[in-house]
Amino acid sequence: QTGQTGTGLAAGTYTVVVTDANGCTITPTVVIGQPAAVQNSFPNVVNVLCNGGSNGSATAQGSGGTGPYTYVWNTSPPQSGATATGLSAGNYVVTVTDANNCITFDTVSITQPPPPQDTLQITSRFCEGDSAAVLHAPWAPGFTNYQWYFDTLAIAGANSDSLQIIPSQIGFYSVTWMYNGCIHFTSILVVSTPTPYFLPDKTANIFTPNADGKNDIFYPYTDAFYTSSDIEYYAKEFSIKVYDRWGKLVYESNDYKPQWDGKYDGGKDAAEGTYYWIASYVSRCEPNKAPVIQTGFVHLMR
């Protein structure tokens, strides 16, 4: 550059040649400085207390650059200020801007505790002649304040992790409990005698394993609810096999909670089409009888 003033200079050392009318010169130097880069830290992060909650918070603290600093968080809606509140589990980005409009971005992660086991268990299944059954709520160290409900009405005095019921008290049971200051809930439908393990005329006969989170799994039950809370306590020696239309075995399981995801041979996607299943089991209520054999079909679509 020529002229008395140099502009657009980055930080560094510069030399200027000054020449007078007689051709005499001098070469002074000048150092252009800059503030430190804008940085950020998170001196205070509060994670979500309960699984699924939104009481997390995070505080940003700018440094470097030239204060004061402004903060904008990518929440919905966006929050301004050093502290963002009402956060659910996830990652959040804060934009920190100093007085000279220098910017930095920083990310903070808000975590949440995992959900506890929430499957209500029944230790005894009502069959003809049974006098009682016992429901067991989830239990772990720190689980407190149990309350049982029958058809949404609180049961007086039912404040332990188990509940004995009699055949005349069939219906919908639920239980709540506290853990780490959070309320948890689970429920079960209790019926007087076992319904058929499978009801082919009511079992869903189509599923779409395309990973969209909707109807991705085939359950050979009236509905998936039975897989954990209704069937397992009277069905044993269970097996199921699924075949394609050419009779090739594509899925089998001895688990009373089979869940076919539409894959075979170690993870290959099964082709669209109709598949046929054969299941057998022994009823706990009739353990001396021959295994029950039930069959059905399911149509796979992607």
Protein backbone atom coordinates (compact mmCIF):
# COMPACT_ATOMS: atom_id res chain seq x y z
CA GLN A 1 0.00 0.00 0.00
CA THR A 2 1.05 3.61 -0.55
CA GLY A 3 -0.03 6.64 1.38
CA GLN A 4 0.14 7.74 4.95
CA THR A 5 -2.38 5.16 6.26
CA GLY A 6 -2.31 1.37 5.89
CA THR A 7 -5.74 -0.28 6.11
CA GLY A 8 -7.18 -3.76 6.25
CA LEU A 9 -4.23 -5.04 8.23
CA ALA A 10 -4.24 -8.37 10.04
CA ALA A 11 -2.30 -8.86 13.23
CA GLY A 12 1.45 -8.85 12.68
CA THR A 13 4.56 -6.69 12.20
CA TYR A 14 4.67 -4.17 9.35
CA THR A 15 7.47 -1.99 7.93
CA VAL A 16 6.84 1.36 6.25
CA VAL A 17 9.34 3.13 4.00
CA VAL A 18 9.19 6.92 4.47
CA THR A 19 10.94 9.03 1.80
CA ASP A 20 11.37 12.82 1.93
CA ALA A 21 11.74 15.30 -0.93
CA ASN A 22 15.50 14.78 -1.05
CA GLY A 23 15.22 11.02 -1.39
CA CYS A 24 16.20 10.32 2.20
CA THR A 25 14.41 7.33 3.73
CA ILE A 26 13.66 5.74 7.06
CA THR A 27 11.99 2.34 7.70
CA PRO A 28 10.16 2.25 11.00
CA THR A 29 8.13 -0.86 12.01
CA VAL A 30 4.75 -1.12 13.67
CA VAL A 31 3.11 -4.08 15.43
CA ILE A 32 -0.65 -4.61 14.98
CA GLY A 33 -2.09 -6.61 17.86
CA GLN A 34 -5.38 -8.45 18.35
CA PRO A 35 -7.40 -9.69 21.32
CA ALA A 36 -7.43 -13.39 22.16
CA ALA A 37 -9.94 -15.52 20.28
CA VAL A 38 -13.43 -15.69 21.72
CA GLN A 39 -13.88 -18.90 23.68
CA ASN A 40 -16.59 -20.47 25.78
CA SER A 41 -16.93 -22.85 28.69
CA PHE A 42 -19.88 -24.35 30.58
CA PRO A 43 -19.32 -23.76 34.29
CA ASN A 44 -22.72 -25.14 35.24
CA VAL A 45 -24.67 -27.97 33.58
CA VAL A 46 -27.77 -29.54 35.18
CA ASN A 47 -28.92 -32.79 33.58
CA VAL A 48 -32.55 -33.93 33.37
CA LEU A 49 -33.71 -35.40 36.65
CA CYS A 50 -36.29 -37.87 35.32
CA ASN A 51 -36.29 -39.85 32.10
CA GLY A 52 -38.36 -37.93 29.56
CA GLY A 53 -38.26 -34.74 31.62
CA SER A 54 -37.31 -31.21 30.56
CA ASN A 55 -35.77 -29.61 33.62
CA GLY A 56 -32.17 -29.50 32.45
CA SER A 57 -30.17 -26.28 32.18
CA ALA A 58 -26.76 -25.07 31.03
CA THR A 59 -24.78 -21.88 31.64
CA ALA A 60 -22.27 -20.57 29.10
CA GLN A 61 -19.34 -18.31 29.98
CA GLY A 62 -17.49 -16.40 27.28
CA SER A 63 -13.82 -15.47 27.50
CA GLY A 64 -11.18 -13.96 25.24
CA GLY A 65 -12.17 -11.39 22.68
CA THR A 66 -13.61 -8.18 24.04
CA GLY A 67 -16.45 -8.21 26.54
CA PRO A 68 -19.31 -7.95 27.14
CA TYR A 69 -20.69 -11.12 25.52
CA THR A 70 -24.11 -12.03 24.22
CA TYR A 71 -25.49 -15.58 24.01
CA VAL A 72 -28.07 -17.22 21.78
CA TRP A 73 -29.13 -20.87 22.23
CA ASN A 74 -30.56 -23.08 19.47
CA THR A 75 -33.52 -24.12 21.60
CA SER A 76 -37.09 -23.95 20.34
CA PRO A 77 -37.88 -21.13 20.64
CA PRO A 78 -34.32 -19.71 20.83
CA GLN A 79 -33.19 -18.50 24.24
CA SER A 80 -30.85 -15.59 24.89
CA GLY A 81 -28.72 -15.02 27.94
CA ALA A 82 -25.93 -17.02 29.50
CA THR A 83 -28.25 -19.70 30.91
CA ALA A 84 -30.68 -21.87 28.93
CA THR A 85 -33.41 -23.58 30.96
CA GLY A 86 -36.20 -26.12 30.46
CA LEU A 87 -33.92 -28.42 28.48
CA SER A 88 -34.74 -32.03 27.68
CA ALA A 89 -32.01 -34.58 26.96
CA GLY A 90 -29.99 -33.77 23.84
CA ASN A 91 -27.26 -31.57 22.39
CA TYR A 92 -27.53 -27.78 22.38
CA VAL A 93 -25.44 -25.16 20.58
CA VAL A 94 -24.78 -21.70 22.00
CA THR A 95 -23.50 -18.82 19.88
CA VAL A 96 -21.23 -16.47 21.85
CA THR A 97 -20.62 -12.99 20.40
CA ASP A 98 -18.24 -10.40 21.87
CA ALA A 99 -18.40 -6.60 21.68
CA ASN A 100 -16.57 -6.64 18.33
CA ASN A 101 -19.01 -9.14 16.81
CA CYS A 102 -16.45 -11.92 16.99
CA ILE A 103 -18.26 -15.25 17.29
CA THR A 104 -17.66 -18.74 18.60
CA PHE A 105 -19.97 -21.76 18.77
CA ASP A 106 -20.00 -24.38 21.49
CA THR A 107 -22.07 -27.51 22.16
CA VAL A 108 -23.25 -28.94 25.46
CA SER A 109 -24.91 -32.32 26.06
CA ILE A 110 -27.81 -32.70 28.47
CA THR A 111 -28.32 -36.28 29.66
CA GLN A 112 -31.14 -38.11 31.40
CA PRO A 113 -31.26 -41.27 33.51
CA PRO A 114 -32.38 -44.46 31.74
CA PRO A 115 -35.92 -45.63 32.36
CA PRO A 116 -36.18 -48.33 34.99
CA GLN A 117 -37.71 -51.70 34.28
CA ASP A 118 -41.40 -51.04 33.86
CA THR A 119 -42.88 -54.46 33.14
CA LEU A 120 -45.42 -55.56 35.71
CA GLN A 121 -45.01 -59.24 36.53
CA ILE A 122 -47.54 -61.80 37.69
CA THR A 123 -46.17 -64.83 39.54
CA SER A 124 -49.29 -66.95 39.28
CA ARG A 125 -51.76 -67.24 36.45
CA PHE A 126 -55.47 -67.67 37.11
CA CYS A 127 -56.68 -71.06 35.96
CA GLU A 128 -59.83 -72.85 37.02
CA GLY A 129 -59.50 -73.66 40.71
CA ASP A 130 -56.86 -71.02 41.46
CA SER A 131 -57.63 -69.05 44.61
CA ALA A 132 -55.22 -66.15 44.25
CA ALA A 133 -52.44 -64.60 42.23
CA VAL A 134 -49.70 -62.14 43.13
CA LEU A 135 -48.67 -59.10 41.12
CA HIS A 136 -45.10 -57.89 41.53
CA ALA A 137 -44.11 -54.34 40.65
CA PRO A 138 -40.59 -53.51 39.50
CA TRP A 139 -38.19 -53.24 42.42
CA ALA A 140 -34.66 -51.94 42.84
CA PRO A 141 -32.79 -50.13 45.62
CA GLY A 142 -34.28 -46.67 45.98
CA PHE A 143 -37.78 -47.53 44.69
CA THR A 144 -40.29 -46.10 47.18
CA ASN A 145 -43.87 -44.83 47.61
CA TYR A 146 -45.70 -47.65 45.84
CA GLN A 147 -49.40 -47.20 45.16
CA TRP A 148 -51.59 -49.79 43.43
CA TYR A 149 -54.72 -49.00 41.43
CA PHE A 150 -57.62 -51.10 40.19
CA ASP A 151 -59.39 -49.67 37.15
CA THR A 152 -57.72 -46.28 37.92
CA LEU A 153 -58.97 -46.21 41.55
CA ALA A 154 -56.34 -46.26 44.30
CA ILE A 155 -56.43 -49.40 46.47
CA ALA A 156 -56.36 -48.39 50.12
CA GLY A 157 -53.33 -49.73 51.96
CA ALA A 158 -51.75 -51.21 48.82
CA ASN A 159 -48.38 -49.53 49.22
CA SER A 160 -45.83 -52.34 48.84
CA ASP A 161 -44.12 -53.75 45.75
CA SER A 162 -46.56 -56.69 45.52
CA LEU A 163 -50.31 -57.16 45.51
CA GLN A 164 -52.36 -60.33 46.02
CA ILE A 165 -55.58 -60.58 44.06
CA ILE A 166 -58.37 -63.16 43.84
CA PRO A 167 -60.31 -64.42 40.80
CA SER A 168 -63.22 -62.08 41.42
CA GLN A 169 -60.85 -59.12 41.12
CA ILE A 170 -59.96 -59.46 37.47
CA GLY A 171 -59.44 -56.29 35.47
CA PHE A 172 -56.91 -53.54 34.82
CA TYR A 173 -54.22 -53.02 37.47
CA SER A 174 -51.54 -50.37 37.61
CA VAL A 175 -48.90 -49.23 40.06
CA THR A 176 -46.87 -46.07 40.57
CA TRP A 177 -43.64 -45.64 42.49
CA MET A 178 -40.92 -43.07 43.09
CA TYR A 179 -37.27 -43.28 42.15
CA ASN A 180 -34.77 -40.43 42.37
CA GLY A 181 -37.65 -38.02 42.79
CA CYS A 182 -39.41 -39.27 39.65
CA ILE A 183 -42.81 -40.95 39.40
CA HIS A 184 -42.94 -44.16 37.35
CA PHE A 185 -45.95 -46.13 36.14
CA THR A 186 -46.79 -49.51 34.66
CA SER A 187 -49.92 -51.60 34.24
CA ILE A 188 -51.29 -55.05 33.45
CA LEU A 189 -54.58 -56.60 32.40
CA VAL A 190 -55.52 -59.60 34.55
CA VAL A 191 -58.04 -62.08 33.14
CA SER A 192 -59.66 -65.02 34.90
CA THR A 193 -58.56 -67.82 32.60
CA PRO A 194 -55.96 -67.92 29.84
CA THR A 195 -57.13 -66.77 26.48
CA PRO A 196 -55.77 -68.66 23.47
CA TYR A 197 -52.09 -67.94 23.04
CA PHE A 198 -52.68 -66.93 19.43
CA LEU A 199 -55.90 -65.83 17.82
CA PRO A 200 -55.16 -66.20 14.09
CA ASP A 201 -58.34 -64.39 13.10
CA LYS A 202 -57.29 -61.40 15.21
CA THR A 203 -53.52 -61.51 14.83
CA ALA A 204 -52.19 -58.75 12.59
CA ASN A 205 -51.48 -60.39 9.22
CA ILE A 206 -49.45 -57.61 7.67
CA PHE A 207 -46.32 -55.77 8.78
CA THR A 208 -43.92 -53.28 7.20
CA PRO A 209 -40.32 -53.68 8.44
CA ASN A 210 -39.00 -50.49 6.87
CA ALA A 211 -37.48 -48.94 10.04
CA ASP A 212 -40.02 -46.13 10.24
CA GLY A 213 -40.95 -47.10 13.78
CA LYS A 214 -44.46 -48.17 12.77
CA ASN A 215 -45.49 -51.81 12.49
CA ASP A 216 -41.87 -52.90 11.95
CA ILE A 217 -42.16 -56.09 14.01
CA PHE A 218 -44.41 -59.12 13.56
CA TYR A 219 -45.98 -60.36 16.80
CA PRO A 220 -48.03 -63.57 16.45
CA TYR A 221 -50.38 -62.44 19.21
CA THR A 222 -53.66 -60.61 19.42
CA ASP A 223 -51.41 -57.64 20.18
CA ALA A 224 -47.88 -57.02 21.43
CA PHE A 225 -49.15 -56.28 24.95
CA TYR A 226 -49.52 -60.00 25.60
CA THR A 227 -45.86 -60.73 24.91
CA SER A 228 -44.72 -59.54 28.33
CA SER A 229 -47.70 -59.29 30.62
CA ASP A 230 -50.27 -61.93 29.75
CA ILE A 231 -48.87 -64.99 28.02
CA GLU A 232 -45.53 -65.83 29.57
CA TYR A 233 -46.88 -67.14 32.85
CA TYR A 234 -48.92 -69.99 31.48
CA ALA A 235 -47.19 -70.83 28.20
CA LYS A 236 -44.09 -73.01 28.24
CA GLU A 237 -42.14 -75.22 25.86
CA PHE A 238 -42.90 -72.60 23.25
CA SER A 239 -41.59 -72.63 19.69
CA ILE A 240 -42.44 -70.79 16.49
CA LYS A 241 -41.20 -71.15 12.91
CA VAL A 242 -41.85 -68.87 9.95
CA TYR A 243 -41.59 -70.13 6.35
CA ASP A 244 -41.67 -68.44 2.97
CA ARG A 245 -44.04 -69.59 0.23
CA TRP A 246 -41.51 -72.19 -0.98
CA GLY A 247 -41.26 -73.76 2.46
CA LYS A 248 -37.87 -72.29 3.37
CA LEU A 249 -37.43 -71.58 7.08
CA VAL A 250 -36.70 -67.85 7.53
CA TYR A 251 -37.24 -67.39 11.28
CA GLU A 252 -37.53 -69.55 14.37
CA SER A 253 -37.54 -68.90 18.09
CA ASN A 254 -38.09 -70.68 21.39
CA ASP A 255 -38.71 -67.37 23.11
CA TYR A 256 -42.28 -66.79 24.24
CA LYS A 257 -41.80 -63.19 23.08
CA PRO A 258 -40.86 -63.76 19.41
CA GLN A 259 -40.39 -60.64 17.35
CA TRP A 260 -39.62 -61.13 13.68
CA ASP A 261 -38.08 -58.05 12.08
CA GLY A 262 -38.39 -59.28 8.51
CA LYS A 263 -34.79 -60.48 8.23
CA TYR A 264 -33.25 -63.91 7.67
CA ASP A 265 -29.83 -65.55 7.28
CA GLY A 266 -28.12 -63.23 9.71
CA GLY A 267 -29.59 -59.91 8.65
CA LYS A 268 -30.73 -60.14 5.03
CA ASP A 269 -34.02 -58.42 4.20
CA ALA A 270 -36.74 -60.94 3.42
CA ALA A 271 -38.60 -60.28 0.19
CA GLU A 272 -42.11 -58.91 0.14
CA GLY A 273 -44.75 -61.60 0.12
CA THR A 274 -46.77 -63.96 2.27
CA TYR A 275 -45.12 -65.99 5.03
CA TYR A 276 -46.59 -68.81 7.10
CA TRP A 277 -45.98 -69.51 10.78
CA ILE A 278 -46.45 -72.58 12.94
CA ALA A 279 -46.34 -72.28 16.73
CA SER A 280 -46.64 -74.77 19.55
CA TYR A 281 -46.74 -74.44 23.32
CA VAL A 282 -47.92 -76.18 26.46
CA SER A 283 -50.47 -74.38 28.61
CA ARG A 284 -49.59 -73.97 32.27
CA CYS A 285 -53.24 -74.57 33.04
CA GLU A 286 -53.20 -77.88 31.16
CA PRO A 287 -49.61 -79.12 31.50
CA ASN A 288 -50.43 -82.79 30.92
CA LYS A 289 -52.08 -82.28 27.58
CA ALA A 290 -50.36 -82.42 24.22
CA PRO A 291 -48.83 -79.19 22.94
CA VAL A 292 -51.21 -76.76 21.31
CA ILE A 293 -50.43 -76.22 17.63
CA GLN A 294 -51.52 -73.00 15.98
CA THR A 295 -50.84 -71.63 12.52
CA GLY A 296 -51.28 -68.41 10.62
CA PHE A 297 -49.82 -66.20 7.93
CA VAL A 298 -48.43 -62.71 7.65
CA HIS A 299 -47.87 -60.51 4.61
CA LEU A 300 -44.57 -58.61 4.55
CA MET A 301 -44.56 -55.24 2.80
CA ARG A 302 -41.77 -52.66 2.63
